[in-house]
Amino acid sequence: MENNIIWHDHKITRAERSVNKNQKPCLLWFTGLSGSGKSTIANALDVALHKRGYHTFLLDGDNVRHGLCKDLGFSDDDREENIRRVGEVCKLFADAGLIVMSAFISPFTSDRRLVRKLFPAGEFIEVFMDTPLATCEERDPKGLYQKARAGEIKNFTGIDSPYDVPAHPEIRLDTSRHSVDECVDSLIAYLLERELITRKD
């Protein structure tokens, strides 16, 4: 890093922004195989929180690769850089007092651990979409598994590239067994229990 780059503290603190929004900032990091329900559940939670008057933002893997990370491919190094960038952006949104959701395969434990370290204790919530590979492949909403099996896509997570299963996720969801509404209810209950949001009747 250049010596002439200096960190500037803001006049308005993270805590002040949080109080102004009547919520506590946090990051719900949705991780899992393609087709496991990451984007679907993250979007449904985003809608549910918005309806309750909370300030949120959702970052989705495909969308980010259209802009912020459009220069990256799918090698291990590029995947690592993709998650590093996303983690830093998530931190900025949380510093603004928002409840942030991210939906990325993020297959490597080391990358998820690096993002976790960016956040104070209790503010990084790893949501493991523990949906069986067979179910994900049966859904195959983008036709990616079929292409991977045919050898048309290389380094595809779950087929010829590994996925590190989270050892101790804060939340574990299986969309082959639970509906979208049930998953969202579980997430809302977690946020309420940790007092990251308050009940709004």
Foldseek 3Di string as FASTA:
>chain_A
DDPPDDDDDDPQFLVNLQVVQQFAEAEEEEAEAAQLCQVVLLVVLVVVVVVLRAAEEEAEDVVCCVPVLVVADPDPVSLLVSLVVVLVVSLVVNRSNHHYYYRDNSQDPVSLVVSVVSDDPPRYAYEYSPEDPVNSVVPCVPCPVVCVVVVNDPCHDPRHNDGDHDPDGNHYHYCVPDPSVVSSVVVVVVCCVVRRHHDDD
